[in-house]
Amino acid sequence: MSDFINGLLRFRRGAWEMLATILITLGVFMLMQPFWMIAFTYSFIVTLIGTVMFIIVSHFPE
């Protein structure tokens, strides 16, 4: 866990890509669930933020 936080603080690719992937997955889950309208409402923006974040952090150093 400390390696993950250390990677975030040092702007390393692995930790930030994992966070972006989690956001993309969360956004897709929010889109497909039928229970909470508020989650469905914000699903596109969460997926979009995760995708843009993944594109940006793929240029970070290893």
PDB file of N, CA and C in Angstrom:
ATOM      1  N   MET A   1       0.825  -1.192   0.000  1.00  0.00           N
ATOM      2  CA  MET A   1       0.000   0.000   0.000  1.00  0.00           C
ATOM      3  C   MET A   1       0.867   1.253   0.000  1.00  0.00           C
ATOM      4  N   SER A   2       1.969   1.233   0.733  1.00  0.00           N
ATOM      5  CA  SER A   2       2.828   2.413   0.768  1.00  0.00           C
ATOM      6  C   SER A   2       3.508   2.626  -0.582  1.00  0.00           C
ATOM      7  N   ASP A   3       3.761   1.537  -1.347  1.00  0.00           N
ATOM      8  CA  ASP A   3       4.335   1.693  -2.688  1.00  0.00           C
ATOM      9  C   ASP A   3       3.359   2.403  -3.613  1.00  0.00           C
ATOM     10  N   PHE A   4       2.073   2.089  -3.464  1.00  0.00           N
ATOM     11  CA  PHE A   4       1.054   2.740  -4.278  1.00  0.00           C
ATOM     12  C   PHE A   4       0.989   4.234  -3.967  1.00  0.00           C
ATOM     13  N   ILE A   5       0.938   4.590  -2.697  1.00  0.00           N
ATOM     14  CA  ILE A   5       0.873   6.001  -2.298  1.00  0.00           C
ATOM     15  C   ILE A   5       2.160   6.713  -2.670  1.00  0.00           C
ATOM     16  N   ASN A   6       3.292   6.043  -2.496  1.00  0.00           N
ATOM     17  CA  ASN A   6       4.575   6.622  -2.876  1.00  0.00           C
ATOM     18  C   ASN A   6       4.612   6.874  -4.385  1.00  0.00           C
ATOM     19  N   GLY A   7       4.058   5.954  -5.175  1.00  0.00           N
ATOM     20  CA  GLY A   7       4.005   6.134  -6.622  1.00  0.00           C
ATOM     21  C   GLY A   7       3.115   7.292  -7.017  1.00  0.00           C
ATOM     22  N   LEU A   8       2.020   7.488  -6.277  1.00  0.00           N
ATOM     23  CA  LEU A   8       1.149   8.637  -6.557  1.00  0.00           C
ATOM     24  C   LEU A   8       1.854   9.950  -6.256  1.00  0.00           C
ATOM     25  N   LEU A   9       2.545   9.985  -5.141  1.00  0.00           N
ATOM     26  CA  LEU A   9       3.219  11.215  -4.745  1.00  0.00           C
ATOM     27  C   LEU A   9       4.399  11.557  -5.656  1.00  0.00           C
ATOM     28  N   ARG A  10       5.025  10.544  -6.233  1.00  0.00           N
ATOM     29  CA  ARG A  10       6.176  10.777  -7.117  1.00  0.00           C
ATOM     30  C   ARG A  10       5.787  10.805  -8.591  1.00  0.00           C
ATOM     31  N   PHE A  11       4.490  10.791  -8.868  1.00  0.00           N
ATOM     32  CA  PHE A  11       3.965  10.829 -10.240  1.00  0.00           C
ATOM     33  C   PHE A  11       4.572   9.729 -11.107  1.00  0.00           C
ATOM     34  N   ARG A  12       4.475   8.496 -10.636  1.00  0.00           N
ATOM     35  CA  ARG A  12       4.926   7.340 -11.398  1.00  0.00           C
ATOM     36  C   ARG A  12       3.760   6.749 -12.159  1.00  0.00           C
ATOM     37  N   ARG A  13       4.047   6.194 -13.313  1.00  0.00           N
ATOM     38  CA  ARG A  13       3.015   5.741 -14.232  1.00  0.00           C
ATOM     39  C   ARG A  13       2.142   4.637 -13.661  1.00  0.00           C
ATOM     40  N   GLY A  14       2.721   3.641 -13.033  1.00  0.00           N
ATOM     41  CA  GLY A  14       1.971   2.467 -12.594  1.00  0.00           C
ATOM     42  C   GLY A  14       0.829   2.792 -11.652  1.00  0.00           C
ATOM     43  N   ALA A  15       1.103   3.591 -10.640  1.00  0.00           N
ATOM     44  CA  ALA A  15       0.082   3.920  -9.643  1.00  0.00           C
ATOM     45  C   ALA A  15      -1.023   4.783 -10.246  1.00  0.00           C
ATOM     46  N   TRP A  16      -0.661   5.754 -11.054  1.00  0.00           N
ATOM     47  CA  TRP A  16      -1.668   6.636 -11.656  1.00  0.00           C
ATOM     48  C   TRP A  16      -2.496   5.913 -12.703  1.00  0.00           C
ATOM     49  N   GLU A  17      -1.867   4.998 -13.468  1.00  0.00           N
ATOM     50  CA  GLU A  17      -2.642   4.220 -14.434  1.00  0.00           C
ATOM     51  C   GLU A  17      -3.640   3.309 -13.726  1.00  0.00           C
ATOM     52  N   MET A  18      -3.252   2.763 -12.583  1.00  0.00           N
ATOM     53  CA  MET A  18      -4.169   1.925 -11.823  1.00  0.00           C
ATOM     54  C   MET A  18      -5.356   2.748 -11.323  1.00  0.00           C
ATOM     55  N   LEU A  19      -5.090   3.954 -10.844  1.00  0.00           N
ATOM     56  CA  LEU A  19      -6.164   4.824 -10.375  1.00  0.00           C
ATOM     57  C   LEU A  19      -7.096   5.209 -11.530  1.00  0.00           C
ATOM     58  N   ALA A  20      -6.529   5.510 -12.702  1.00  0.00           N
ATOM     59  CA  ALA A  20      -7.350   5.845 -13.873  1.00  0.00           C
ATOM     60  C   ALA A  20      -8.186   4.644 -14.308  1.00  0.00           C
ATOM     61  N   THR A  21      -7.611   3.459 -14.261  1.00  0.00           N
ATOM     62  CA  THR A  21      -8.344   2.255 -14.636  1.00  0.00           C
ATOM     63  C   THR A  21      -9.492   1.990 -13.665  1.00  0.00           C
ATOM     64  N   ILE A  22      -9.261   2.236 -12.395  1.00  0.00           N
ATOM     65  CA  ILE A  22     -10.326   2.079 -11.394  1.00  0.00           C
ATOM     66  C   ILE A  22     -11.457   3.067 -11.670  1.00  0.00           C
ATOM     67  N   LEU A  23     -11.116   4.294 -12.040  1.00  0.00           N
ATOM     68  CA  LEU A  23     -12.148   5.281 -12.361  1.00  0.00           C
ATOM     69  C   LEU A  23     -12.952   4.870 -13.588  1.00  0.00           C
ATOM     70  N   ILE A  24     -12.284   4.364 -14.617  1.00  0.00           N
ATOM     71  CA  ILE A  24     -12.986   3.904 -15.812  1.00  0.00           C
ATOM     72  C   ILE A  24     -13.928   2.756 -15.460  1.00  0.00           C
ATOM     73  N   THR A  25     -13.439   1.801 -14.689  1.00  0.00           N
ATOM     74  CA  THR A  25     -14.260   0.664 -14.281  1.00  0.00           C
ATOM     75  C   THR A  25     -15.447   1.112 -13.436  1.00  0.00           C
ATOM     76  N   LEU A  26     -15.211   2.030 -12.520  1.00  0.00           N
ATOM     77  CA  LEU A  26     -16.287   2.560 -11.686  1.00  0.00           C
ATOM     78  C   LEU A  26     -17.336   3.266 -12.545  1.00  0.00           C
ATOM     79  N   GLY A  27     -16.888   4.050 -13.532  1.00  0.00           N
ATOM     80  CA  GLY A  27     -17.828   4.736 -14.407  1.00  0.00           C
ATOM     81  C   GLY A  27     -18.681   3.783 -15.222  1.00  0.00           C
ATOM     82  N   VAL A  28     -18.073   2.711 -15.725  1.00  0.00           N
ATOM     83  CA  VAL A  28     -18.840   1.720 -16.489  1.00  0.00           C
ATOM     84  C   VAL A  28     -19.827   0.995 -15.575  1.00  0.00           C
ATOM     85  N   PHE A  29     -19.400   0.671 -14.369  1.00  0.00           N
ATOM     86  CA  PHE A  29     -20.317   0.039 -13.407  1.00  0.00           C
ATOM     87  C   PHE A  29     -21.488   0.963 -13.089  1.00  0.00           C
ATOM     88  N   MET A  30     -21.191   2.250 -12.886  1.00  0.00           N
ATOM     89  CA  MET A  30     -22.245   3.217 -12.597  1.00  0.00           C
ATOM     90  C   MET A  30     -23.224   3.320 -13.768  1.00  0.00           C
ATOM     91  N   LEU A  31     -22.726   3.172 -14.970  1.00  0.00           N
ATOM     92  CA  LEU A  31     -23.572   3.249 -16.157  1.00  0.00           C
ATOM     93  C   LEU A  31     -24.512   2.060 -16.268  1.00  0.00           C
ATOM     94  N   MET A  32     -24.051   0.880 -15.844  1.00  0.00           N
ATOM     95  CA  MET A  32     -24.832  -0.340 -16.058  1.00  0.00           C
ATOM     96  C   MET A  32     -25.734  -0.722 -14.888  1.00  0.00           C
ATOM     97  N   GLN A  33     -25.605  -0.064 -13.756  1.00  0.00           N
ATOM     98  CA  GLN A  33     -26.432  -0.436 -12.613  1.00  0.00           C
ATOM     99  C   GLN A  33     -27.813   0.199 -12.736  1.00  0.00           C
ATOM    100  N   PRO A  34     -28.863  -0.497 -12.319  1.00  0.00           N
ATOM    101  CA  PRO A  34     -30.226   0.025 -12.490  1.00  0.00           C
ATOM    102  C   PRO A  34     -30.837   0.663 -11.235  1.00  0.00           C
ATOM    103  N   PHE A  35     -30.066   0.848 -10.162  1.00  0.00           N
ATOM    104  CA  PHE A  35     -30.664   1.194  -8.883  1.00  0.00           C
ATOM    105  C   PHE A  35     -30.635   2.687  -8.555  1.00  0.00           C
ATOM    106  N   TRP A  36     -29.505   3.348  -8.768  1.00  0.00           N
ATOM    107  CA  TRP A  36     -29.356   4.737  -8.346  1.00  0.00           C
ATOM    108  C   TRP A  36     -29.263   5.646  -9.561  1.00  0.00           C
ATOM    109  N   MET A  37     -30.220   6.529  -9.702  1.00  0.00           N
ATOM    110  CA  MET A  37     -30.225   7.459 -10.836  1.00  0.00           C
ATOM    111  C   MET A  37     -29.061   8.443 -10.754  1.00  0.00           C
ATOM    112  N   ILE A  38     -28.666   8.823  -9.546  1.00  0.00           N
ATOM    113  CA  ILE A  38     -27.557   9.768  -9.391  1.00  0.00           C
ATOM    114  C   ILE A  38     -26.248   9.158  -9.891  1.00  0.00           C
ATOM    115  N   ALA A  39     -26.059   7.862  -9.660  1.00  0.00           N
ATOM    116  CA  ALA A  39     -24.857   7.194 -10.161  1.00  0.00           C
ATOM    117  C   ALA A  39     -24.889   7.126 -11.685  1.00  0.00           C
ATOM    118  N   PHE A  40     -26.049   6.847 -12.247  1.00  0.00           N
ATOM    119  CA  PHE A  40     -26.186   6.811 -13.702  1.00  0.00           C
ATOM    120  C   PHE A  40     -25.935   8.190 -14.293  1.00  0.00           C
ATOM    121  N   THR A  41     -26.383   9.224 -13.597  1.00  0.00           N
ATOM    122  CA  THR A  41     -26.215  10.593 -14.083  1.00  0.00           C
ATOM    123  C   THR A  41     -24.746  10.971 -14.206  1.00  0.00           C
ATOM    124  N   TYR A  42     -23.933  10.580 -13.244  1.00  0.00           N
ATOM    125  CA  TYR A  42     -22.519  10.960 -13.236  1.00  0.00           C
ATOM    126  C   TYR A  42     -21.600   9.912 -13.855  1.00  0.00           C
ATOM    127  N   SER A  43     -22.144   8.840 -14.398  1.00  0.00           N
ATOM    128  CA  SER A  43     -21.308   7.762 -14.929  1.00  0.00           C
ATOM    129  C   SER A  43     -20.471   8.207 -16.120  1.00  0.00           C
ATOM    130  N   PHE A  44     -21.029   9.008 -17.016  1.00  0.00           N
ATOM    131  CA  PHE A  44     -20.282   9.430 -18.192  1.00  0.00           C
ATOM    132  C   PHE A  44     -19.104  10.308 -17.809  1.00  0.00           C
ATOM    133  N   ILE A  45     -19.315  11.246 -16.901  1.00  0.00           N
ATOM    134  CA  ILE A  45     -18.229  12.144 -16.516  1.00  0.00           C
ATOM    135  C   ILE A  45     -17.120  11.389 -15.782  1.00  0.00           C
ATOM    136  N   VAL A  46     -17.474  10.401 -14.973  1.00  0.00           N
ATOM    137  CA  VAL A  46     -16.463   9.606 -14.276  1.00  0.00           C
ATOM    138  C   VAL A  46     -15.652   8.791 -15.283  1.00  0.00           C
ATOM    139  N   THR A  47     -16.318   8.194 -16.275  1.00  0.00           N
ATOM    140  CA  THR A  47     -15.617   7.442 -17.313  1.00  0.00           C
ATOM    141  C   THR A  47     -14.739   8.366 -18.142  1.00  0.00           C
ATOM    142  N   LEU A  48     -15.232   9.534 -18.467  1.00  0.00           N
ATOM    143  CA  LEU A  48     -14.463  10.493 -19.251  1.00  0.00           C
ATOM    144  C   LEU A  48     -13.230  10.974 -18.495  1.00  0.00           C
ATOM    145  N   ILE A  49     -13.378  11.287 -17.232  1.00  0.00           N
ATOM    146  CA  ILE A  49     -12.234  11.713 -16.417  1.00  0.00           C
ATOM    147  C   ILE A  49     -11.193  10.606 -16.336  1.00  0.00           C
ATOM    148  N   GLY A  50     -11.633   9.372 -16.124  1.00  0.00           N
ATOM    149  CA  GLY A  50     -10.699   8.248 -16.072  1.00  0.00           C
ATOM    150  C   GLY A  50      -9.975   8.044 -17.390  1.00  0.00           C
ATOM    151  N   THR A  51     -10.672   8.206 -18.508  1.00  0.00           N
ATOM    152  CA  THR A  51     -10.050   8.018 -19.815  1.00  0.00           C
ATOM    153  C   THR A  51      -9.031   9.106 -20.104  1.00  0.00           C
ATOM    154  N   VAL A  52      -9.392  10.359 -19.870  1.00  0.00           N
ATOM    155  CA  VAL A  52      -8.450  11.467 -20.084  1.00  0.00           C
ATOM    156  C   VAL A  52      -7.265  11.337 -19.138  1.00  0.00           C
ATOM    157  N   MET A  53      -7.534  10.945 -17.911  1.00  0.00           N
ATOM    158  CA  MET A  53      -6.461  10.744 -16.940  1.00  0.00           C
ATOM    159  C   MET A  53      -5.506   9.651 -17.415  1.00  0.00           C
ATOM    160  N   PHE A  54      -6.041   8.562 -17.963  1.00  0.00           N
ATOM    161  CA  PHE A  54      -5.196   7.478 -18.449  1.00  0.00           C
ATOM    162  C   PHE A  54      -4.321   7.948 -19.601  1.00  0.00           C
ATOM    163  N   ILE A  55      -4.872   8.739 -20.491  1.00  0.00           N
ATOM    164  CA  ILE A  55      -4.096   9.258 -21.616  1.00  0.00           C
ATOM    165  C   ILE A  55      -2.969  10.152 -21.125  1.00  0.00           C
ATOM    166  N   ILE A  56      -3.245  11.000 -20.137  1.00  0.00           N
ATOM    167  CA  ILE A  56      -2.226  11.903 -19.623  1.00  0.00           C
ATOM    168  C   ILE A  56      -1.146  11.149 -18.868  1.00  0.00           C
ATOM    169  N   VAL A  57      -1.538  10.236 -17.973  1.00  0.00           N
ATOM    170  CA  VAL A  57      -0.537   9.563 -17.138  1.00  0.00           C
ATOM    171  C   VAL A  57       0.253   8.517 -17.909  1.00  0.00           C
ATOM    172  N   SER A  58      -0.184   8.155 -19.095  1.00  0.00           N
ATOM    173  CA  SER A  58       0.623   7.210 -19.876  1.00  0.00           C
ATOM    174  C   SER A  58       1.926   7.858 -20.352  1.00  0.00           C
ATOM    175  N   HIS A  59       2.059   9.152 -20.178  1.00  0.00           N
ATOM    176  CA  HIS A  59       3.298   9.861 -20.511  1.00  0.00           C
ATOM    177  C   HIS A  59       4.192  10.074 -19.310  1.00  0.00           C
ATOM    178  N   PHE A  60       3.754   9.649 -18.123  1.00  0.00           N
ATOM    179  CA  PHE A  60       4.573   9.785 -16.920  1.00  0.00           C
ATOM    180  C   PHE A  60       5.734   8.787 -16.985  1.00  0.00           C
ATOM    181  N   PRO A  61       6.819   9.065 -16.260  1.00  0.00           N
ATOM    182  CA  PRO A  61       7.944   8.119 -16.230  1.00  0.00           C
ATOM    183  C   PRO A  61       7.601   6.857 -15.443  1.00  0.00           C
ATOM    184  N   GLU A  62       8.302   5.768 -15.763  1.00  0.00           N
ATOM    185  CA  GLU A  62       8.101   4.509 -15.037  1.00  0.00           C
ATOM    186  C   GLU A  62       8.573   4.743 -13.624  1.00  0.00           C
TER     187      GLU A  62
END
